[in-house]
Every structure is written in structure tokens, then in C-alpha cells.
Amino acid sequence: MAKVEKEKKEKKHFFKDFKAELKKVIWPTPKQVINNTTAVITIVLITALIVFMLDLTFETLNTHGVDKLKSIVSKEEGNVLDENIVDNSTDSNTTDTNTTEENTVSET
């Protein structure tokens, strides 16, 4: 029984302390709340606008930059492929000649 009464007193004491602490709080006036809310919303919108503009800028740069790099790489790959074709054809001719010479030498 004493335990139950002690718990009730502690709850009453807690709520009295809670109410006393809330009275000590300095609450903002409605004008301050409106000013602070307006400031926060403005800052959020400005930040969102900056992020949106940066996103568009980087997306545009990426699109044009990647396309330009692809065209440069494809041109270079085309040149490299052309050079490899020329190199391979001269190498195969040399190999064929060497094979023919080896066959001739081994027959003699």
C-alpha cells in the first residue's frame, strides 16, 4: 500500500515540476514565430534552387562532355584499329614469308 501511495506522490511531484519548468520557458511571440518560419522556408528554397541549378549544370556538362569524349575515343579507336590492321597484314606477310623460307630450307 505504501508503495502505491509513494508512486502517486512521485507522479504528482513530477507533473508539478514539469509545469514549473514550462513556466520558466521564454516562449516566442507570434511575430517572432512568423519571422523565424519565413527565414527557414526562404533558406530552404534558396538552397533547393542552388542544388537544382548545380544539378542541371553538371548534367548538361556530363551529357556534352561524355558525348564529346565518346566521339574522341571512337576516332582514336578507329585510328588504332586502322593501324592494327596495317600492322597485322604486314606481320602476316612476314610470317608467311618466314614459313615459306623454313619449308624451303628444311626440304633441302
Protein backbone atom coordinates (compact mmCIF):
# COMPACT_ATOMS: atom_id res chain seq x y z
CA MET A 1 0.00 0.00 0.00
CA ALA A 2 2.76 2.42 0.94
CA LYS A 3 4.43 1.69 -2.37
CA VAL A 4 1.33 2.73 -4.37
CA GLU A 5 0.97 5.98 -2.39
CA LYS A 6 4.66 6.75 -2.91
CA GLU A 7 4.29 6.29 -6.68
CA LYS A 8 1.27 8.64 -6.75
CA LYS A 9 3.23 11.31 -4.86
CA GLU A 10 6.17 10.94 -7.26
CA LYS A 11 3.85 11.34 -10.27
CA LYS A 12 2.22 14.45 -8.76
CA HIS A 13 5.66 15.85 -7.92
CA PHE A 14 6.87 15.14 -11.48
CA PHE A 15 3.94 16.95 -13.10
CA LYS A 16 4.28 19.92 -10.69
CA ASP A 17 7.98 20.19 -11.58
CA PHE A 18 7.15 19.83 -15.26
CA LYS A 19 4.60 22.64 -15.08
CA ALA A 20 7.05 24.85 -13.17
CA GLU A 21 9.74 24.29 -15.83
CA LEU A 22 7.30 25.16 -18.62
CA LYS A 23 6.53 28.44 -16.86
CA LYS A 24 10.26 29.28 -16.91
CA VAL A 25 10.46 28.84 -20.68
CA ILE A 26 10.55 32.08 -22.66
CA TRP A 27 8.06 31.47 -25.44
CA PRO A 28 8.45 33.38 -28.72
CA THR A 29 5.82 35.88 -29.74
CA PRO A 30 3.68 35.12 -32.79
CA LYS A 31 5.64 37.75 -34.72
CA GLN A 32 8.94 36.00 -33.87
CA VAL A 33 7.48 32.63 -34.90
CA ILE A 34 6.39 34.05 -38.26
CA ASN A 35 9.77 35.74 -38.83
CA ASN A 36 11.72 32.60 -37.95
CA THR A 37 9.46 30.38 -40.06
CA THR A 38 9.79 32.73 -43.02
CA ALA A 39 13.58 32.76 -42.65
CA VAL A 40 13.77 28.96 -42.54
CA ILE A 41 11.49 28.49 -45.56
CA THR A 42 13.44 31.13 -47.53
CA ILE A 43 16.78 29.49 -46.76
CA VAL A 44 15.42 26.05 -47.70
CA LEU A 45 14.06 27.37 -51.02
CA ILE A 46 17.32 29.17 -51.86
CA THR A 47 19.32 26.03 -51.06
CA ALA A 48 16.96 23.90 -53.16
CA LEU A 49 17.31 26.34 -56.07
CA ILE A 50 21.12 26.26 -55.83
CA VAL A 51 21.16 22.45 -55.76
CA PHE A 52 18.73 22.31 -58.71
CA MET A 53 20.88 24.70 -60.77
CA LEU A 54 24.06 22.77 -59.95
CA ASP A 55 22.32 19.52 -60.89
CA LEU A 56 21.24 20.92 -64.26
CA THR A 57 24.70 22.36 -64.91
CA PHE A 58 26.54 19.14 -64.10
CA GLU A 59 24.02 17.06 -66.02
CA THR A 60 24.49 19.26 -69.10
CA LEU A 61 28.27 19.21 -68.77
CA ASN A 62 28.21 15.47 -68.28
CA THR A 63 25.98 14.88 -71.29
CA HIS A 64 28.00 17.07 -73.62
CA GLY A 65 31.31 16.04 -72.09
CA VAL A 66 30.58 12.33 -72.34
CA ASP A 67 29.37 12.65 -75.93
CA LYS A 68 32.49 14.61 -76.84
CA LEU A 69 34.73 12.05 -75.11
CA LYS A 70 32.92 9.21 -76.87
CA SER A 71 33.50 10.84 -80.25
CA ILE A 72 37.17 11.46 -79.44
CA VAL A 73 37.66 7.90 -78.19
CA SER A 74 35.84 6.39 -81.17
CA LYS A 75 38.02 8.42 -83.56
CA GLU A 76 41.15 7.30 -81.71
CA GLU A 77 39.95 3.69 -81.62
CA GLY A 78 39.27 3.91 -85.36
CA ASN A 79 42.83 5.15 -85.95
CA VAL A 80 44.24 2.46 -83.68
CA LEU A 81 42.19 -0.22 -85.41
CA ASP A 82 43.35 1.01 -88.82
CA GLU A 83 46.97 0.92 -87.64
CA ASN A 84 46.48 -2.59 -86.19
CA ILE A 85 45.01 -3.80 -89.46
CA VAL A 86 48.01 -2.45 -91.35
CA ASP A 87 50.42 -3.89 -88.74
CA ASN A 88 48.69 -7.28 -88.78
CA SER A 89 48.74 -7.50 -92.55
CA THR A 90 52.48 -6.74 -92.68
CA ASP A 91 53.11 -9.17 -89.82
CA SER A 92 51.16 -11.94 -91.52
CA ASN A 93 53.09 -11.35 -94.76
CA THR A 94 56.35 -11.59 -92.85
CA THR A 95 55.19 -14.74 -91.09
CA ASP A 96 54.10 -16.33 -94.36
CA THR A 97 57.46 -15.48 -95.93
CA ASN A 98 59.33 -16.90 -92.94
CA THR A 99 57.26 -20.08 -93.04
CA THR A 100 57.93 -20.48 -96.75
CA GLU A 101 61.64 -19.95 -96.22
CA GLU A 102 61.68 -22.51 -93.38
CA ASN A 103 59.88 -25.05 -95.55
CA THR A 104 62.35 -24.45 -98.38
CA VAL A 105 65.35 -24.80 -96.03
CA SER A 106 64.04 -28.00 -94.43
CA GLU A 107 63.37 -29.58 -97.83
CA THR A 108 66.97 -29.03 -98.88
